[in-house]
Amino acid sequence: MTVEGMFEVRTTSRVQFLDITSAVQREVTSSGVTEGVCWVYVHHTTAGVTINENADPSVVEDIIRTLERLVPMRGDYRHAEGNSDAHIKASLMGFSQAIPVRDGKLALGTWQGIFLCEFDGPRRRKVSVTVTSAP
């Protein structure tokens, strides 16, 4: 069995990591799948999704600062829209994640959360969640 869902996220700044773990878990719960895999996919080229620590907000701050050093907003980019850094950062983070589902819950580690990574906000972002039951 495969169940697909989607939700929307509104970001409030150009660069922002939003913890979407609860929204993803709601989709898993409503799917009725107790054992399987949950796929999280972001439908955008300037936003990504990652799994990382959600207990200490300084981890997210460190990730954002490091990405800014690696891929500065102002660079020798050719893309005319002025958001090349956002495209590159989103590509580095990736657009999807797979998370095991055990007993109807996301099988994340103790300190892990799922984050939408905004690099060109504020915007409305769509997140797809596909939950597939184990055979």
N, C-alpha and C. Protein backbone atom coordinates (compact mmCIF):
# COMPACT_ATOMS: atom_id res chain seq x y z
N MET A 1 0.84 -1.17 0.00
CA MET A 1 0.00 0.00 0.00
C MET A 1 0.89 1.24 0.00
N THR A 2 0.53 2.22 -0.83
CA THR A 2 1.21 3.50 -0.88
C THR A 2 0.18 4.61 -0.71
N VAL A 3 0.47 5.55 0.19
CA VAL A 3 -0.43 6.66 0.45
C VAL A 3 0.35 7.95 0.25
N GLU A 4 -0.24 8.85 -0.52
CA GLU A 4 0.43 10.12 -0.79
C GLU A 4 -0.34 11.27 -0.16
N GLY A 5 0.41 12.22 0.37
CA GLY A 5 -0.17 13.43 0.94
C GLY A 5 0.71 14.62 0.64
N MET A 6 0.21 15.80 0.95
CA MET A 6 0.96 17.01 0.71
C MET A 6 0.54 18.06 1.72
N PHE A 7 1.47 18.92 2.10
CA PHE A 7 1.13 20.06 2.92
C PHE A 7 1.94 21.26 2.46
N GLU A 8 1.51 22.43 2.87
CA GLU A 8 2.18 23.67 2.48
C GLU A 8 2.83 24.30 3.69
N VAL A 9 3.97 24.92 3.45
CA VAL A 9 4.71 25.62 4.49
C VAL A 9 4.94 27.05 4.02
N ARG A 10 4.73 28.00 4.90
CA ARG A 10 5.04 29.40 4.60
C ARG A 10 6.31 29.77 5.34
N THR A 11 7.28 30.25 4.59
CA THR A 11 8.51 30.72 5.22
C THR A 11 8.43 32.23 5.40
N THR A 12 9.22 32.75 6.32
CA THR A 12 9.12 34.17 6.66
C THR A 12 10.39 34.96 6.42
N SER A 13 11.47 34.30 6.00
CA SER A 13 12.70 35.03 5.71
C SER A 13 13.42 34.37 4.54
N ARG A 14 14.44 35.03 4.03
CA ARG A 14 15.14 34.51 2.85
C ARG A 14 15.76 33.16 3.13
N VAL A 15 16.44 33.03 4.26
CA VAL A 15 17.05 31.76 4.64
C VAL A 15 16.46 31.34 5.97
N GLN A 16 15.93 30.12 5.99
CA GLN A 16 15.25 29.65 7.19
C GLN A 16 15.15 28.13 7.15
N PHE A 17 15.37 27.50 8.28
CA PHE A 17 15.14 26.07 8.42
C PHE A 17 13.91 25.90 9.31
N LEU A 18 12.88 25.25 8.78
CA LEU A 18 11.66 25.01 9.54
C LEU A 18 11.56 23.54 9.89
N ASP A 19 11.34 23.25 11.15
CA ASP A 19 11.15 21.88 11.59
C ASP A 19 9.76 21.42 11.16
N ILE A 20 9.72 20.49 10.22
CA ILE A 20 8.44 19.99 9.69
C ILE A 20 8.15 18.57 10.17
N THR A 21 8.86 18.11 11.18
CA THR A 21 8.72 16.74 11.67
C THR A 21 7.27 16.43 12.05
N SER A 22 6.62 17.32 12.78
CA SER A 22 5.24 17.06 13.23
C SER A 22 4.28 16.96 12.05
N ALA A 23 4.46 17.82 11.05
CA ALA A 23 3.58 17.78 9.87
C ALA A 23 3.78 16.47 9.10
N VAL A 24 5.03 16.02 9.00
CA VAL A 24 5.30 14.76 8.31
C VAL A 24 4.70 13.60 9.11
N GLN A 25 4.85 13.63 10.43
CA GLN A 25 4.29 12.57 11.26
C GLN A 25 2.77 12.52 11.13
N ARG A 26 2.11 13.67 11.01
CA ARG A 26 0.65 13.68 10.80
C ARG A 26 0.28 12.94 9.52
N GLU A 27 1.07 13.14 8.47
CA GLU A 27 0.82 12.44 7.20
C GLU A 27 1.02 10.93 7.37
N VAL A 28 2.05 10.54 8.11
CA VAL A 28 2.29 9.12 8.36
C VAL A 28 1.13 8.53 9.14
N THR A 29 0.70 9.22 10.18
CA THR A 29 -0.41 8.74 11.00
C THR A 29 -1.68 8.59 10.16
N SER A 30 -1.98 9.60 9.35
CA SER A 30 -3.21 9.52 8.55
C SER A 30 -3.13 8.47 7.45
N SER A 31 -1.92 8.05 7.08
CA SER A 31 -1.78 7.01 6.05
C SER A 31 -2.22 5.64 6.56
N GLY A 32 -2.13 5.43 7.87
CA GLY A 32 -2.45 4.13 8.45
C GLY A 32 -1.34 3.11 8.33
N VAL A 33 -0.22 3.49 7.73
CA VAL A 33 0.93 2.58 7.59
C VAL A 33 1.63 2.47 8.94
N THR A 34 1.88 1.23 9.37
CA THR A 34 2.58 1.03 10.64
C THR A 34 4.03 0.62 10.46
N GLU A 35 4.35 -0.03 9.34
CA GLU A 35 5.72 -0.45 9.04
C GLU A 35 6.00 -0.14 7.58
N GLY A 36 7.07 0.59 7.32
CA GLY A 36 7.38 0.91 5.93
C GLY A 36 8.38 2.03 5.81
N VAL A 37 8.19 2.85 4.77
CA VAL A 37 9.10 3.96 4.49
C VAL A 37 8.28 5.19 4.18
N CYS A 38 8.76 6.32 4.68
CA CYS A 38 8.17 7.62 4.41
C CYS A 38 9.15 8.43 3.56
N TRP A 39 8.68 8.89 2.41
CA TRP A 39 9.49 9.75 1.53
C TRP A 39 8.98 11.18 1.67
N VAL A 40 9.89 12.10 1.91
CA VAL A 40 9.56 13.52 2.00
C VAL A 40 10.24 14.20 0.82
N TYR A 41 9.46 14.95 0.05
CA TYR A 41 9.98 15.58 -1.17
C TYR A 41 9.54 17.04 -1.23
N VAL A 42 10.48 17.92 -1.52
CA VAL A 42 10.21 19.35 -1.66
C VAL A 42 10.17 19.69 -3.14
N HIS A 43 9.10 20.36 -3.57
CA HIS A 43 8.83 20.61 -4.99
C HIS A 43 9.47 21.89 -5.52
N HIS A 44 10.63 22.25 -5.08
CA HIS A 44 11.18 23.56 -5.44
C HIS A 44 12.68 23.46 -5.71
N THR A 45 13.20 24.40 -6.49
CA THR A 45 14.63 24.39 -6.82
C THR A 45 15.46 25.30 -5.93
N THR A 46 14.81 26.06 -5.06
CA THR A 46 15.55 26.92 -4.14
C THR A 46 15.23 26.60 -2.68
N ALA A 47 14.68 25.43 -2.44
CA ALA A 47 14.43 24.93 -1.08
C ALA A 47 14.77 23.45 -1.07
N GLY A 48 15.19 22.97 0.07
CA GLY A 48 15.54 21.56 0.20
C GLY A 48 14.95 20.97 1.46
N VAL A 49 15.38 19.76 1.76
CA VAL A 49 14.93 19.09 2.97
C VAL A 49 16.11 18.30 3.53
N THR A 50 16.26 18.34 4.85
CA THR A 50 17.34 17.60 5.49
C THR A 50 16.87 17.06 6.83
N ILE A 51 17.62 16.11 7.33
CA ILE A 51 17.40 15.57 8.68
C ILE A 51 18.64 15.94 9.49
N ASN A 52 18.38 16.57 10.64
CA ASN A 52 19.50 16.93 11.51
C ASN A 52 18.99 17.17 12.91
N GLU A 53 19.85 17.63 13.79
CA GLU A 53 19.49 17.82 15.19
C GLU A 53 18.43 18.90 15.34
N ASN A 54 17.40 18.57 16.12
CA ASN A 54 16.35 19.56 16.37
C ASN A 54 16.26 19.95 17.84
N ALA A 55 17.23 19.55 18.65
CA ALA A 55 17.20 19.89 20.07
C ALA A 55 17.93 21.20 20.35
N ASP A 56 19.02 21.45 19.65
CA ASP A 56 19.83 22.65 19.88
C ASP A 56 19.78 23.52 18.63
N PRO A 57 19.11 24.68 18.68
CA PRO A 57 18.98 25.53 17.49
C PRO A 57 20.31 26.05 16.95
N SER A 58 21.36 26.00 17.74
CA SER A 58 22.66 26.48 17.25
C SER A 58 23.19 25.57 16.13
N VAL A 59 22.75 24.33 16.08
CA VAL A 59 23.18 23.44 14.99
C VAL A 59 22.67 23.98 13.66
N VAL A 60 21.40 24.36 13.60
CA VAL A 60 20.83 24.93 12.38
C VAL A 60 21.56 26.23 12.03
N GLU A 61 21.81 27.07 13.02
CA GLU A 61 22.54 28.31 12.78
C GLU A 61 23.91 28.03 12.19
N ASP A 62 24.60 27.01 12.72
CA ASP A 62 25.92 26.64 12.19
C ASP A 62 25.84 26.17 10.74
N ILE A 63 24.81 25.39 10.43
CA ILE A 63 24.64 24.91 9.05
C ILE A 63 24.41 26.09 8.12
N ILE A 64 23.53 26.99 8.50
CA ILE A 64 23.23 28.17 7.67
C ILE A 64 24.49 29.01 7.47
N ARG A 65 25.23 29.27 8.53
CA ARG A 65 26.45 30.08 8.42
C ARG A 65 27.48 29.39 7.52
N THR A 66 27.63 28.10 7.67
CA THR A 66 28.60 27.38 6.85
C THR A 66 28.21 27.39 5.38
N LEU A 67 26.93 27.18 5.09
CA LEU A 67 26.47 27.24 3.70
C LEU A 67 26.70 28.63 3.11
N GLU A 68 26.50 29.66 3.91
CA GLU A 68 26.72 31.03 3.42
C GLU A 68 28.20 31.27 3.11
N ARG A 69 29.08 30.71 3.92
CA ARG A 69 30.52 30.83 3.63
C ARG A 69 30.90 30.07 2.37
N LEU A 70 30.33 28.87 2.21
CA LEU A 70 30.64 28.04 1.04
C LEU A 70 30.04 28.61 -0.25
N VAL A 71 28.81 29.12 -0.14
CA VAL A 71 28.08 29.62 -1.31
C VAL A 71 27.49 30.98 -0.94
N PRO A 72 28.28 32.04 -1.07
CA PRO A 72 27.78 33.37 -0.67
C PRO A 72 26.65 33.86 -1.57
N MET A 73 25.81 34.70 -1.00
CA MET A 73 24.68 35.24 -1.75
C MET A 73 25.18 36.01 -2.98
N ARG A 74 26.20 36.79 -2.80
CA ARG A 74 26.79 37.54 -3.90
C ARG A 74 28.01 36.79 -4.40
N GLY A 75 27.95 36.34 -5.62
CA GLY A 75 29.07 35.61 -6.19
C GLY A 75 29.13 35.85 -7.69
N ASP A 76 30.05 35.22 -8.33
CA ASP A 76 30.22 35.36 -9.77
C ASP A 76 29.26 34.40 -10.48
N TYR A 77 27.95 34.66 -10.30
CA TYR A 77 26.93 33.79 -10.85
C TYR A 77 26.38 34.38 -12.15
N ARG A 78 25.91 33.52 -13.03
CA ARG A 78 25.37 33.97 -14.32
C ARG A 78 23.84 34.01 -14.34
N HIS A 79 23.20 33.29 -13.46
CA HIS A 79 21.73 33.23 -13.42
C HIS A 79 21.18 34.63 -13.17
N ALA A 80 20.32 35.10 -14.05
CA ALA A 80 19.86 36.49 -14.03
C ALA A 80 18.92 36.84 -12.89
N GLU A 81 18.27 35.86 -12.28
CA GLU A 81 17.30 36.16 -11.23
C GLU A 81 17.94 36.59 -9.91
N GLY A 82 19.24 36.39 -9.76
CA GLY A 82 19.91 36.80 -8.53
C GLY A 82 19.77 35.83 -7.37
N ASN A 83 19.36 34.60 -7.65
CA ASN A 83 19.20 33.63 -6.56
C ASN A 83 19.99 32.34 -6.81
N SER A 84 21.09 32.47 -7.55
CA SER A 84 21.91 31.29 -7.83
C SER A 84 22.38 30.60 -6.56
N ASP A 85 22.73 31.40 -5.55
CA ASP A 85 23.18 30.79 -4.30
C ASP A 85 22.10 29.89 -3.72
N ALA A 86 20.83 30.29 -3.85
CA ALA A 86 19.72 29.49 -3.33
C ALA A 86 19.60 28.16 -4.08
N HIS A 87 19.77 28.20 -5.39
CA HIS A 87 19.73 26.96 -6.18
C HIS A 87 20.85 26.01 -5.76
N ILE A 88 22.04 26.55 -5.58
CA ILE A 88 23.20 25.73 -5.22
C ILE A 88 23.02 25.14 -3.82
N LYS A 89 22.62 25.96 -2.87
CA LYS A 89 22.43 25.47 -1.49
C LYS A 89 21.35 24.39 -1.42
N ALA A 90 20.25 24.60 -2.15
CA ALA A 90 19.19 23.59 -2.17
C ALA A 90 19.70 22.29 -2.77
N SER A 91 20.51 22.39 -3.83
CA SER A 91 21.08 21.17 -4.43
C SER A 91 22.00 20.46 -3.46
N LEU A 92 22.76 21.22 -2.68
CA LEU A 92 23.65 20.60 -1.69
C LEU A 92 22.85 19.89 -0.60
N MET A 93 21.75 20.47 -0.17
CA MET A 93 20.93 19.86 0.88
C MET A 93 20.13 18.68 0.34
N GLY A 94 19.69 18.77 -0.89
CA GLY A 94 18.87 17.72 -1.48
C GLY A 94 17.39 18.04 -1.38
N PHE A 95 16.60 17.36 -2.19
CA PHE A 95 15.18 17.65 -2.30
C PHE A 95 14.29 16.56 -1.71
N SER A 96 14.89 15.46 -1.22
CA SER A 96 14.08 14.40 -0.65
C SER A 96 14.84 13.67 0.45
N GLN A 97 14.07 13.02 1.31
CA GLN A 97 14.61 12.20 2.38
C GLN A 97 13.72 10.97 2.54
N ALA A 98 14.32 9.87 2.90
CA ALA A 98 13.58 8.64 3.20
C ALA A 98 13.77 8.34 4.69
N ILE A 99 12.64 8.07 5.36
CA ILE A 99 12.67 7.80 6.80
C ILE A 99 11.91 6.50 7.05
N PRO A 100 12.49 5.56 7.78
CA PRO A 100 11.76 4.35 8.13
C PRO A 100 10.54 4.67 9.00
N VAL A 101 9.51 3.86 8.87
CA VAL A 101 8.33 3.97 9.72
C VAL A 101 8.25 2.68 10.51
N ARG A 102 8.18 2.81 11.84
CA ARG A 102 8.08 1.66 12.73
C ARG A 102 6.95 1.93 13.73
N ASP A 103 6.04 0.99 13.86
CA ASP A 103 4.90 1.15 14.77
C ASP A 103 4.14 2.45 14.52
N GLY A 104 4.02 2.84 13.24
CA GLY A 104 3.27 4.02 12.87
C GLY A 104 3.96 5.34 13.13
N LYS A 105 5.22 5.29 13.54
CA LYS A 105 5.98 6.50 13.87
C LYS A 105 7.21 6.61 12.99
N LEU A 106 7.63 7.83 12.72
CA LEU A 106 8.90 8.06 12.03
C LEU A 106 10.01 7.54 12.91
N ALA A 107 10.87 6.69 12.37
CA ALA A 107 11.95 6.08 13.15
C ALA A 107 13.19 6.96 13.08
N LEU A 108 13.04 8.18 13.62
CA LEU A 108 14.15 9.13 13.67
C LEU A 108 14.97 8.88 14.93
N GLY A 109 16.21 9.30 14.90
CA GLY A 109 17.06 9.22 16.08
C GLY A 109 16.59 10.20 17.15
N THR A 110 17.09 10.03 18.34
CA THR A 110 16.67 10.82 19.50
C THR A 110 16.69 12.32 19.23
N TRP A 111 17.72 12.80 18.60
CA TRP A 111 17.88 14.24 18.41
C TRP A 111 17.54 14.69 17.00
N GLN A 112 17.00 13.82 16.18
CA GLN A 112 16.77 14.16 14.78
C GLN A 112 15.39 14.78 14.54
N GLY A 113 15.38 15.72 13.59
CA GLY A 113 14.16 16.31 13.10
C GLY A 113 14.28 16.49 11.59
N ILE A 114 13.15 16.69 10.95
CA ILE A 114 13.11 16.91 9.50
C ILE A 114 12.92 18.41 9.28
N PHE A 115 13.78 19.00 8.46
CA PHE A 115 13.75 20.43 8.23
C PHE A 115 13.51 20.76 6.76
N LEU A 116 12.59 21.68 6.50
CA LEU A 116 12.51 22.32 5.21
C LEU A 116 13.58 23.42 5.24
N CYS A 117 14.41 23.45 4.22
CA CYS A 117 15.52 24.41 4.13
C CYS A 117 15.17 25.47 3.09
N GLU A 118 14.81 26.64 3.55
CA GLU A 118 14.45 27.74 2.65
C GLU A 118 15.70 28.57 2.35
N PHE A 119 15.92 28.84 1.06
CA PHE A 119 17.07 29.65 0.65
C PHE A 119 16.68 30.83 -0.22
N ASP A 120 15.39 31.03 -0.50
CA ASP A 120 14.96 32.11 -1.38
C ASP A 120 13.58 32.62 -0.96
N GLY A 121 13.40 32.78 0.33
CA GLY A 121 12.10 33.18 0.83
C GLY A 121 11.99 34.68 1.01
N PRO A 122 10.88 35.07 1.62
CA PRO A 122 9.79 34.23 2.09
C PRO A 122 8.91 33.74 0.93
N ARG A 123 8.43 32.51 1.09
CA ARG A 123 7.61 31.88 0.05
C ARG A 123 6.65 30.87 0.66
N ARG A 124 5.77 30.37 -0.20
CA ARG A 124 4.94 29.22 0.13
C ARG A 124 5.61 28.02 -0.52
N ARG A 125 5.80 26.96 0.25
CA ARG A 125 6.48 25.76 -0.25
C ARG A 125 5.58 24.56 -0.10
N LYS A 126 5.61 23.68 -1.10
CA LYS A 126 4.85 22.44 -1.07
C LYS A 126 5.78 21.29 -0.69
N VAL A 127 5.30 20.44 0.20
CA VAL A 127 6.04 19.27 0.63
C VAL A 127 5.15 18.05 0.41
N SER A 128 5.65 17.09 -0.36
CA SER A 128 4.93 15.83 -0.57
C SER A 128 5.45 14.79 0.41
N VAL A 129 4.54 13.98 0.89
CA VAL A 129 4.88 12.87 1.77
C VAL A 129 4.24 11.61 1.16
N THR A 130 5.08 10.63 0.86
CA THR A 130 4.61 9.36 0.33
C THR A 130 5.00 8.29 1.34
N VAL A 131 4.02 7.54 1.80
CA VAL A 131 4.27 6.49 2.79
C VAL A 131 3.92 5.15 2.14
N THR A 132 4.90 4.26 2.15
CA THR A 132 4.74 2.95 1.55
C THR A 132 4.87 1.89 2.64
N SER A 133 3.94 0.98 2.67
CA SER A 133 3.99 -0.07 3.69
C SER A 133 5.01 -1.14 3.30
N ALA A 134 5.58 -1.77 4.30
CA ALA A 134 6.53 -2.86 4.07
C ALA A 134 5.77 -4.06 3.50
N PRO A 135 6.44 -4.84 2.62
CA PRO A 135 5.76 -6.02 2.04
C PRO A 135 5.45 -7.08 3.07
